[in-house]
Amino acid sequence: MSAKFHLISWTPYKKRYDLIMGGLVAAYLLGFLAVGKLVWREDRAISDEILVLRALGTCAFLMLNIALCIGPLTRLDRRFLPLLYNRRHLGVATLFVGLLHGVLSIGFYHGFGRLNPLMSFAKSNSEYRSLSAFPFEMLGGAALLILLVMAVTSHDVWLNKLTPRIWKGIHMLVYLAWGLLVMHIALGALQAERNLLYGTLLLLVVIVVSGLHVMAGRKEMTKDRIETLLSSDAGWINACSVAQLSEGRGRPVKLPSGERVALFKYDGQIFAISNVCAHQGGPLGEGRIVDGCVTCPWHGFQYRPGDGCAPPPFTEKLKTYEVRIKNGQVMVNIQARAPGTAIEPARIEEEGEAAHVG
């Protein structure tokens, strides 16, 4: 994150991310064109221009599906987190590839008539009541418009202006865009295809993307169903044992209210802060402590574990919770303190000494 506005705050990791992504996109497009030349060499209806359009369209759709799969994959396995860190770059790149597909398609199919290409695109088909003749182009155009709005508002400056809730709502429209593109393909390219392979591949993509989201949701529901035992002291919960906490790693714990707290063991102490990152609602309990600060696994936003405050010059603050250790169990007070309130951490050494004396 940055204290000042930068169009892109380049880091070596971001450069590697984008270079690898750009290389894979180029390799896919070249590979598609090479293979397509062989597969459709006897099909005169598929010209070089149409082959390029297919390469760009399938590439953009594949990139969008990968972007949608990264989220649930990180919920299922931490090893996918590096892919999530700069997912916005993948999203913007998806827009550019899809936009190129759309612009070239309009130019190829509507650029040689009397009407303006955009006007011709809008008026060429009005059979909205027909399934077989439905103007599928409009579905693709609507999806591109959504992706364009998401790309334009992807920078954190818009997050601050719109507030995280509104910003998140806008970017959740990616699922609507994905659904529109699935229908765009089903009602468009697949209508003329007799080979069942293409329809099967589309169905498989829908199953994979939907299945990963269902699996990730079920995992979260399983976490929520784990009963949190109330201690004999009112207002405190038995969150976990000290042994269940790893040094420098977070552990999310659900409170009876439904909120989640992020527990961290660091330097012989245990801290508890809100599990929700102030940036985009990332799960801090799935992150770790870097340079003494809790670091969000989504975009690297940081907070001091003792008071929930972002280090200067940043001003974000999170709620904090009292923590204590009793008989080797980590107890958390269910009443949150005001954001930015410093809390005395539970010291593991003191618990060990008390148990030894007893």
Protein backbone atom coordinates (compact mmCIF):
# COMPACT_ATOMS: atom_id res chain seq x y z
CA MET A 1 0.00 0.00 0.00
CA SER A 2 1.07 3.61 -0.43
CA ALA A 3 0.55 6.81 1.54
CA LYS A 4 0.37 8.83 -1.67
CA PHE A 5 -1.35 8.33 -5.00
CA HIS A 6 0.61 6.28 -7.52
CA LEU A 7 -0.91 4.88 -10.69
CA ILE A 8 1.00 1.64 -10.07
CA SER A 9 3.39 1.15 -7.16
CA TRP A 10 5.79 -1.17 -8.92
CA THR A 11 7.62 -3.75 -6.86
CA PRO A 12 9.88 -6.60 -8.05
CA TYR A 13 7.06 -9.04 -7.22
CA LYS A 14 4.52 -7.10 -9.29
CA LYS A 15 6.93 -6.92 -12.20
CA ARG A 16 7.49 -10.68 -12.10
CA TYR A 17 3.75 -11.27 -11.76
CA ASP A 18 2.96 -9.13 -14.80
CA LEU A 19 5.83 -10.51 -16.90
CA ILE A 20 4.73 -14.08 -16.24
CA MET A 21 1.09 -13.18 -16.91
CA GLY A 22 1.98 -11.37 -20.15
CA GLY A 23 4.13 -14.27 -21.27
CA LEU A 24 1.36 -16.78 -20.63
CA VAL A 25 -1.18 -14.64 -22.51
CA ALA A 26 1.17 -14.33 -25.50
CA ALA A 27 1.91 -18.07 -25.41
CA TYR A 28 -1.81 -18.90 -25.33
CA LEU A 29 -2.65 -16.62 -28.25
CA LEU A 30 0.21 -17.90 -30.40
CA GLY A 31 -0.55 -21.51 -29.45
CA PHE A 32 -4.25 -21.07 -30.23
CA LEU A 33 -3.47 -19.60 -33.65
CA ALA A 34 -1.00 -22.38 -34.46
CA VAL A 35 -3.30 -25.18 -33.36
CA GLY A 36 -6.33 -23.49 -34.90
CA LYS A 37 -4.60 -23.36 -38.26
CA LEU A 38 -4.26 -27.13 -38.12
CA VAL A 39 -7.67 -27.97 -36.69
CA TRP A 40 -9.67 -25.69 -39.02
CA ARG A 41 -7.38 -25.79 -42.07
CA GLU A 42 -10.14 -27.26 -44.25
CA ASP A 43 -12.91 -25.03 -42.93
CA ARG A 44 -13.14 -22.09 -45.34
CA ALA A 45 -15.63 -20.31 -43.09
CA ILE A 46 -12.90 -19.71 -40.52
CA SER A 47 -10.59 -17.04 -41.88
CA ASP A 48 -7.46 -15.74 -40.21
CA GLU A 49 -9.45 -12.82 -38.83
CA ILE A 50 -12.02 -15.10 -37.21
CA LEU A 51 -9.23 -17.25 -35.81
CA VAL A 52 -7.71 -14.16 -34.15
CA LEU A 53 -11.12 -13.21 -32.73
CA ARG A 54 -11.54 -16.71 -31.30
CA ALA A 55 -8.07 -16.64 -29.79
CA LEU A 56 -8.73 -13.31 -28.05
CA GLY A 57 -12.23 -14.26 -26.91
CA THR A 58 -11.26 -17.62 -25.45
CA CYS A 59 -8.17 -16.10 -23.82
CA ALA A 60 -10.20 -13.37 -22.09
CA PHE A 61 -12.80 -15.88 -20.89
CA LEU A 62 -10.10 -18.21 -19.59
CA MET A 63 -8.39 -15.33 -17.75
CA LEU A 64 -11.68 -14.31 -16.12
CA ASN A 65 -12.30 -17.88 -14.95
CA ILE A 66 -8.79 -18.09 -13.48
CA ALA A 67 -9.36 -14.80 -11.66
CA LEU A 68 -12.63 -16.12 -10.21
CA CYS A 69 -11.01 -19.39 -9.11
CA ILE A 70 -8.14 -17.73 -7.23
CA GLY A 71 -10.40 -16.53 -4.40
CA PRO A 72 -11.90 -19.89 -3.40
CA LEU A 73 -8.57 -21.66 -3.98
CA THR A 74 -6.92 -19.43 -1.38
CA ARG A 75 -9.68 -20.35 1.09
CA LEU A 76 -8.96 -24.01 0.46
CA ASP A 77 -5.15 -23.85 0.42
CA ARG A 78 -2.82 -21.06 1.62
CA ARG A 79 -0.30 -21.88 -1.11
CA PHE A 80 -2.46 -20.05 -3.65
CA LEU A 81 -2.21 -16.74 -1.75
CA PRO A 82 0.63 -15.35 -3.93
CA LEU A 83 -1.77 -15.47 -6.90
CA LEU A 84 -4.31 -13.37 -4.99
CA TYR A 85 -1.94 -10.60 -4.01
CA ASN A 86 -2.02 -8.86 -7.40
CA ARG A 87 -5.23 -10.31 -8.81
CA ARG A 88 -6.31 -6.83 -9.85
CA HIS A 89 -3.54 -6.83 -12.45
CA LEU A 90 -5.01 -10.03 -13.87
CA GLY A 91 -8.45 -8.44 -13.91
CA VAL A 92 -7.27 -5.35 -15.80
CA ALA A 93 -5.37 -7.53 -18.28
CA THR A 94 -8.54 -9.58 -18.80
CA LEU A 95 -10.39 -6.39 -19.68
CA PHE A 96 -7.76 -5.38 -22.25
CA VAL A 97 -7.82 -8.77 -23.99
CA GLY A 98 -11.63 -8.86 -23.93
CA LEU A 99 -11.87 -5.26 -25.13
CA LEU A 100 -9.55 -6.03 -28.04
CA HIS A 101 -11.78 -8.99 -28.93
CA GLY A 102 -14.87 -6.77 -28.79
CA VAL A 103 -13.41 -3.88 -30.80
CA LEU A 104 -12.04 -6.16 -33.52
CA SER A 105 -15.35 -8.09 -33.65
CA ILE A 106 -17.36 -4.90 -34.17
CA GLY A 107 -14.89 -3.73 -36.79
CA PHE A 108 -14.92 -7.06 -38.63
CA TYR A 109 -18.70 -7.63 -38.64
CA HIS A 110 -20.00 -4.04 -38.65
CA GLY A 111 -17.21 -1.89 -40.03
CA PHE A 112 -17.95 -2.13 -43.75
CA GLY A 113 -21.52 -0.92 -44.01
CA ARG A 114 -23.19 2.46 -44.31
CA LEU A 115 -23.98 2.78 -40.62
CA ASN A 116 -21.54 3.70 -37.92
CA PRO A 117 -20.07 0.40 -36.58
CA LEU A 118 -21.43 0.99 -33.08
CA MET A 119 -24.87 1.93 -34.43
CA SER A 120 -24.83 -1.14 -36.67
CA PHE A 121 -23.84 -3.28 -33.69
CA ALA A 122 -26.73 -1.94 -31.63
CA LYS A 123 -29.39 -2.28 -34.35
CA SER A 124 -28.30 -5.40 -36.22
CA ASN A 125 -30.37 -7.83 -34.18
CA SER A 126 -33.46 -7.20 -32.08
CA GLU A 127 -34.73 -10.78 -31.73
CA TYR A 128 -34.78 -10.71 -27.94
CA ARG A 129 -37.74 -13.10 -27.78
CA SER A 130 -35.95 -15.81 -29.73
CA LEU A 131 -33.57 -18.21 -28.03
CA SER A 132 -31.84 -19.40 -31.19
CA ALA A 133 -31.55 -15.90 -32.68
CA PHE A 134 -30.98 -13.97 -29.44
CA PRO A 135 -28.57 -11.00 -29.87
CA PHE A 136 -25.80 -12.63 -27.87
CA GLU A 137 -23.44 -9.78 -28.80
CA MET A 138 -25.27 -7.55 -26.32
CA LEU A 139 -24.49 -9.97 -23.50
CA GLY A 140 -20.80 -9.77 -24.29
CA GLY A 141 -20.99 -5.99 -24.52
CA ALA A 142 -22.70 -5.75 -21.12
CA ALA A 143 -20.04 -8.00 -19.58
CA LEU A 144 -17.27 -5.83 -21.05
CA LEU A 145 -18.95 -2.72 -19.66
CA ILE A 146 -18.96 -4.25 -16.16
CA LEU A 147 -15.30 -5.23 -16.45
CA LEU A 148 -14.48 -1.72 -17.67
CA VAL A 149 -16.15 -0.12 -14.63
CA MET A 150 -14.29 -2.54 -12.36
CA ALA A 151 -10.94 -1.77 -14.01
CA VAL A 152 -11.48 2.01 -13.85
CA THR A 153 -12.37 1.82 -10.14
CA SER A 154 -9.75 -0.80 -9.23
CA HIS A 155 -7.28 1.70 -7.78
CA ASP A 156 -7.35 2.29 -4.02
CA VAL A 157 -8.12 5.98 -4.55
CA TRP A 158 -11.63 4.90 -5.62
CA LEU A 159 -11.87 2.57 -2.65
CA ASN A 160 -11.39 5.58 -0.37
CA LYS A 161 -13.85 7.76 -2.29
CA LEU A 162 -16.63 5.19 -2.63
CA THR A 163 -16.15 3.50 0.80
CA PRO A 164 -15.21 -0.19 1.05
CA ARG A 165 -18.85 -1.36 1.14
CA ILE A 166 -19.88 0.36 -2.11
CA TRP A 167 -16.58 -0.48 -3.79
CA LYS A 168 -16.96 -4.14 -2.89
CA GLY A 169 -20.53 -4.15 -4.17
CA ILE A 170 -19.40 -2.81 -7.54
CA HIS A 171 -16.66 -5.41 -7.85
CA MET A 172 -18.97 -8.26 -6.91
CA LEU A 173 -20.63 -7.58 -10.28
CA VAL A 174 -17.82 -9.68 -11.74
CA TYR A 175 -20.07 -12.69 -11.17
CA LEU A 176 -22.79 -11.06 -13.26
CA ALA A 177 -20.22 -10.39 -15.99
CA TRP A 178 -19.14 -14.03 -15.84
CA GLY A 179 -22.74 -15.22 -16.16
CA LEU A 180 -23.33 -12.90 -19.12
CA LEU A 181 -20.23 -14.26 -20.86
CA VAL A 182 -21.33 -17.85 -20.32
CA MET A 183 -24.65 -17.00 -22.00
CA HIS A 184 -22.81 -14.99 -24.67
CA ILE A 185 -20.84 -18.10 -25.63
CA ALA A 186 -23.76 -20.53 -25.28
CA LEU A 187 -26.12 -18.43 -27.39
CA GLY A 188 -23.42 -17.30 -29.82
CA ALA A 189 -20.42 -19.38 -30.81
CA LEU A 190 -21.93 -22.69 -29.67
CA GLN A 191 -25.10 -22.24 -31.72
CA ALA A 192 -23.20 -23.00 -34.93
CA GLU A 193 -21.00 -25.73 -33.50
CA ARG A 194 -21.95 -29.36 -34.13
CA ASN A 195 -19.03 -30.74 -32.15
CA LEU A 196 -20.17 -31.51 -28.60
CA LEU A 197 -16.64 -30.95 -27.31
CA TYR A 198 -17.03 -27.17 -27.13
CA GLY A 199 -20.28 -27.31 -25.20
CA THR A 200 -18.79 -29.90 -22.88
CA LEU A 201 -15.78 -27.66 -22.20
CA LEU A 202 -18.05 -24.72 -21.37
CA LEU A 203 -20.11 -26.88 -19.03
CA LEU A 204 -16.92 -28.14 -17.38
CA VAL A 205 -15.73 -24.56 -16.81
CA VAL A 206 -19.05 -23.64 -15.16
CA ILE A 207 -18.86 -26.73 -12.94
CA VAL A 208 -15.25 -26.04 -11.88
CA VAL A 209 -15.83 -22.36 -11.05
CA SER A 210 -19.12 -23.02 -9.25
CA GLY A 211 -17.75 -26.12 -7.52
CA LEU A 212 -14.72 -24.31 -6.11
CA HIS A 213 -16.95 -21.58 -4.68
CA VAL A 214 -19.28 -24.16 -3.13
CA MET A 215 -16.32 -26.04 -1.62
CA ALA A 216 -14.86 -22.85 -0.17
CA GLY A 217 -18.26 -21.86 1.21
CA ARG A 218 -18.75 -25.27 2.81
CA LYS A 219 -15.34 -25.01 4.43
CA GLU A 220 -16.26 -21.63 5.93
CA MET A 221 -19.60 -23.01 7.12
CA THR A 222 -17.77 -25.92 8.76
CA LYS A 223 -15.58 -23.45 10.62
CA ASP A 224 -18.67 -21.55 11.74
CA ARG A 225 -20.33 -24.72 13.03
CA ILE A 226 -17.42 -25.54 15.32
CA GLU A 227 -18.81 -24.83 18.76
CA THR A 228 -17.02 -22.20 20.81
CA LEU A 229 -17.25 -23.23 24.47
CA LEU A 230 -18.16 -20.48 26.92
CA SER A 231 -15.92 -20.40 29.96
CA SER A 232 -17.16 -20.05 33.51
CA ASP A 233 -16.34 -16.37 33.30
CA ALA A 234 -19.19 -14.46 31.66
CA GLY A 235 -18.26 -12.54 28.54
CA TRP A 236 -15.23 -14.67 27.64
CA ILE A 237 -14.90 -17.54 25.20
CA ASN A 238 -12.52 -20.44 25.06
CA ALA A 239 -11.01 -19.74 21.63
CA CYS A 240 -8.32 -22.43 21.32
CA SER A 241 -5.32 -23.86 23.11
CA VAL A 242 -1.97 -22.09 23.12
CA ALA A 243 -0.50 -25.10 21.30
CA GLN A 244 -2.87 -24.53 18.38
CA LEU A 245 -1.33 -21.15 17.61
CA SER A 246 1.73 -20.99 15.38
CA GLU A 247 4.39 -18.33 15.86
CA GLY A 248 3.67 -15.33 13.63
CA ARG A 249 0.62 -16.96 12.04
CA GLY A 250 -3.01 -15.95 12.43
CA ARG A 251 -5.98 -18.00 13.55
CA PRO A 252 -9.56 -16.78 12.96
CA VAL A 253 -12.06 -17.40 15.74
CA LYS A 254 -15.79 -16.87 15.53
CA LEU A 255 -17.55 -15.06 18.37
CA PRO A 256 -21.13 -15.88 19.47
CA SER A 257 -22.23 -12.65 17.75
CA GLY A 258 -21.02 -14.02 14.40
CA GLU A 259 -18.04 -11.67 14.17
CA ARG A 260 -14.58 -13.07 13.76
CA VAL A 261 -11.45 -12.29 15.70
CA ALA A 262 -7.90 -12.85 14.47
CA LEU A 263 -5.57 -14.36 17.08
CA PHE A 264 -1.79 -14.04 16.74
CA LYS A 265 1.07 -15.50 18.75
CA TYR A 266 4.19 -13.38 18.48
CA ASP A 267 7.30 -13.05 20.60
CA GLY A 268 5.84 -14.94 23.56
CA GLN A 269 2.57 -12.97 23.54
CA ILE A 270 -0.94 -13.45 22.17
CA PHE A 271 -2.98 -10.66 20.61
CA ALA A 272 -6.54 -10.40 19.25
CA ILE A 273 -7.79 -7.90 16.69
CA SER A 274 -10.69 -7.77 14.26
CA ASN A 275 -10.42 -10.34 11.50
CA VAL A 276 -11.64 -7.88 8.83
CA CYS A 277 -9.05 -5.80 7.00
CA ALA A 278 -10.09 -2.15 6.62
CA HIS A 279 -8.91 -2.19 3.00
CA GLN A 280 -11.15 -4.72 1.25
CA GLY A 281 -12.38 -6.92 4.07
CA GLY A 282 -9.55 -9.42 3.76
CA PRO A 283 -9.28 -12.21 6.40
CA LEU A 284 -6.45 -11.08 8.66
CA GLY A 285 -6.60 -14.35 10.59
CA GLU A 286 -5.29 -16.09 7.49
CA GLY A 287 -2.30 -13.77 7.31
CA ARG A 288 0.92 -13.56 9.27
CA ILE A 289 3.08 -11.08 11.14
CA VAL A 290 5.74 -9.38 9.01
CA ASP A 291 8.17 -6.87 10.52
CA GLY A 292 6.12 -6.84 13.71
CA CYS A 293 2.82 -6.07 11.97
CA VAL A 294 -0.18 -8.22 11.11
CA THR A 295 -0.16 -8.41 7.31
CA CYS A 296 -3.32 -9.02 5.30
CA PRO A 297 -2.94 -11.99 2.94
CA TRP A 298 -4.92 -10.25 0.21
CA HIS A 299 -3.06 -7.01 -0.46
CA GLY A 300 -0.44 -6.62 2.25
CA PHE A 301 -2.14 -3.97 4.41
CA GLN A 302 -0.58 -3.96 7.88
CA TYR A 303 -1.67 -3.32 11.49
CA ARG A 304 0.11 -3.36 14.82
CA PRO A 305 -1.15 -6.35 16.82
CA GLY A 306 -1.15 -4.46 20.12
CA ASP A 307 -3.57 -1.67 19.17
CA GLY A 308 -4.93 -2.55 15.70
CA CYS A 309 -3.50 0.62 14.16
CA ALA A 310 -1.82 0.75 10.78
CA PRO A 311 1.78 1.98 11.10
CA PRO A 312 2.35 5.68 10.25
CA PRO A 313 1.68 7.46 7.97
CA PHE A 314 -1.42 5.27 7.51
CA THR A 315 -4.48 5.94 9.65
CA GLU A 316 -6.63 2.76 9.47
CA LYS A 317 -7.69 1.32 12.84
CA LEU A 318 -9.24 -2.01 13.85
CA LYS A 319 -11.14 -3.17 16.92
CA THR A 320 -9.08 -4.96 19.55
CA TYR A 321 -10.01 -7.63 22.13
CA GLU A 322 -8.73 -8.56 25.55
CA VAL A 323 -6.94 -11.90 25.72
CA ARG A 324 -5.83 -14.08 28.63
CA ILE A 325 -4.54 -17.62 29.12
CA LYS A 326 -6.14 -20.04 31.54
CA ASN A 327 -4.97 -23.64 31.95
CA GLY A 328 -3.29 -23.58 28.56
CA GLN A 329 -6.42 -22.22 26.84
CA VAL A 330 -6.64 -18.86 25.07
CA MET A 331 -9.59 -16.86 26.35
CA VAL A 332 -11.01 -13.90 24.37
CA ASN A 333 -13.35 -11.23 25.73
CA ILE A 334 -16.35 -11.04 23.39
CA GLN A 335 -16.69 -7.29 23.95
CA ALA A 336 -14.58 -5.41 21.43
CA ARG A 337 -12.65 -2.30 22.36
CA ALA A 338 -12.86 0.82 20.20
CA PRO A 339 -10.73 0.73 17.06
CA GLY A 340 -7.13 1.63 17.85
CA THR A 341 -7.36 0.85 21.59
CA ALA A 342 -4.13 -0.58 22.98
CA ILE A 343 -4.63 -3.89 24.79
CA GLU A 344 -2.21 -5.65 27.13
CA PRO A 345 -1.38 -8.97 25.44
CA ALA A 346 -1.55 -12.35 27.17
CA ARG A 347 1.97 -13.49 28.01
CA ILE A 348 2.66 -17.18 27.50
CA GLU A 349 5.60 -17.15 29.93
CA GLU A 350 3.45 -15.89 32.79
CA GLU A 351 0.93 -18.68 32.25
CA GLY A 352 3.74 -21.23 32.27
CA GLU A 353 5.18 -19.83 35.50
CA ALA A 354 1.76 -19.84 37.18
CA ALA A 355 1.20 -23.47 36.21
CA HIS A 356 4.66 -24.43 37.55
CA VAL A 357 4.04 -22.72 40.91
CA GLY A 358 0.67 -24.39 41.24
